[in-house]
Amino acid sequence: MKVQDVRLELTEKHHIRYTVIQTTIAMEKLGEVKTFGLCVLDQYGNRIKEIVDISVNFELVERLASICNRFQALPIHLMDIVEDFIAEI
């Protein structure tokens, strides 16, 4: 069984969790800025995938994590989900 197959199996059994992650980036005119992204964790807490710097708005990214958890979005679609979510705001 390939790693990808294991991850798909975990997703189908609802053993993944989307969480908000925080990073700090340095911007020339603004200095350090906190940004928020999403991290996908497997049933053991291992990172499967992450996307950083989605927004500086924590609540926005938290809402996206909640939606992904509720619908158990497949991690392979995460970038498309993020792009669609941002396009709607």
Protein backbone atom coordinates (compact mmCIF):
# COMPACT_ATOMS: atom_id res chain seq x y z
CA MET A 1 0.00 0.00 0.00
CA LYS A 2 1.36 3.42 -0.98
CA VAL A 3 1.50 6.41 1.37
CA GLN A 4 -1.12 8.16 -0.76
CA ASP A 5 -3.43 5.14 -0.43
CA VAL A 6 -3.05 5.19 3.36
CA ARG A 7 -3.91 8.89 3.47
CA LEU A 8 -6.98 8.38 1.29
CA GLU A 9 -8.08 5.52 3.55
CA LEU A 10 -7.66 7.74 6.62
CA THR A 11 -9.72 10.46 4.98
CA GLU A 12 -12.51 8.08 4.05
CA LYS A 13 -12.73 6.93 7.68
CA HIS A 14 -12.85 10.55 8.93
CA HIS A 15 -9.58 10.37 10.82
CA ILE A 16 -8.20 13.71 9.70
CA ARG A 17 -8.44 17.12 11.28
CA TYR A 18 -7.93 20.60 9.91
CA THR A 19 -6.32 23.12 12.27
CA VAL A 20 -5.23 26.73 12.05
CA ILE A 21 -1.50 27.41 12.08
CA GLN A 22 0.24 30.73 12.64
CA THR A 23 3.40 32.02 11.00
CA THR A 24 5.15 35.36 11.15
CA ILE A 25 6.42 37.00 8.01
CA ALA A 26 8.61 40.07 7.66
CA MET A 27 7.20 42.78 5.43
CA GLU A 28 9.39 45.66 4.37
CA LYS A 29 7.05 48.51 5.35
CA LEU A 30 4.94 46.79 8.01
CA GLY A 31 7.57 44.84 9.91
CA GLU A 32 6.55 41.44 11.28
CA VAL A 33 3.01 40.34 10.47
CA LYS A 34 1.17 37.29 11.83
CA THR A 35 -0.52 35.20 9.16
CA PHE A 36 -2.70 32.14 9.44
CA GLY A 37 -2.95 28.99 7.38
CA LEU A 38 -4.33 25.46 7.51
CA CYS A 39 -2.71 22.22 8.54
CA VAL A 40 -4.17 18.77 7.93
CA LEU A 41 -3.41 16.22 10.66
CA ASP A 42 -3.90 12.47 10.52
CA GLN A 43 -5.31 10.40 13.38
CA TYR A 44 -1.88 10.36 15.05
CA GLY A 45 -1.30 14.10 14.82
CA ASN A 46 1.13 13.86 11.91
CA ARG A 47 1.01 16.66 9.36
CA ILE A 48 -0.31 15.47 6.03
CA LYS A 49 -0.42 18.83 4.30
CA GLU A 50 -0.34 22.51 5.11
CA ILE A 51 -0.92 25.83 3.43
CA VAL A 52 0.55 28.88 5.16
CA ASP A 53 -0.20 32.59 4.78
CA ILE A 54 -3.84 32.27 3.76
CA SER A 55 -4.89 35.41 5.63
CA VAL A 56 -4.02 37.78 8.45
CA ASN A 57 -7.58 37.22 9.73
CA PHE A 58 -7.59 34.35 12.26
CA GLU A 59 -11.40 34.08 12.38
CA LEU A 60 -11.59 33.71 8.61
CA VAL A 61 -9.10 30.83 8.55
CA GLU A 62 -10.75 29.27 11.59
CA ARG A 63 -14.09 29.29 9.74
CA LEU A 64 -12.42 27.60 6.76
CA ALA A 65 -10.94 24.91 9.05
CA SER A 66 -14.38 24.32 10.54
CA ILE A 67 -15.92 23.88 7.09
CA CYS A 68 -13.18 21.46 6.03
CA ASN A 69 -13.65 19.44 9.22
CA ARG A 70 -17.44 19.37 8.91
CA PHE A 71 -17.34 18.08 5.34
CA GLN A 72 -14.13 16.03 5.78
CA ALA A 73 -12.60 17.62 2.70
CA LEU A 74 -9.96 15.54 0.99
CA PRO A 75 -6.49 17.04 1.54
CA ILE A 76 -5.71 16.69 -2.17
CA HIS A 77 -8.35 19.39 -2.82
CA LEU A 78 -7.16 21.80 -0.13
CA MET A 79 -5.54 24.36 -2.44
CA ASP A 80 -8.68 24.55 -4.60
CA ILE A 81 -10.85 24.88 -1.49
CA VAL A 82 -8.69 27.73 -0.16
CA GLU A 83 -8.70 29.53 -3.52
CA ASP A 84 -12.49 29.23 -3.84
CA PHE A 85 -13.02 30.35 -0.24
CA ILE A 86 -10.86 33.46 -0.68
CA ALA A 87 -12.53 34.30 -3.99
CA GLU A 88 -15.91 34.37 -2.21
CA ILE A 89 -14.93 36.96 0.43
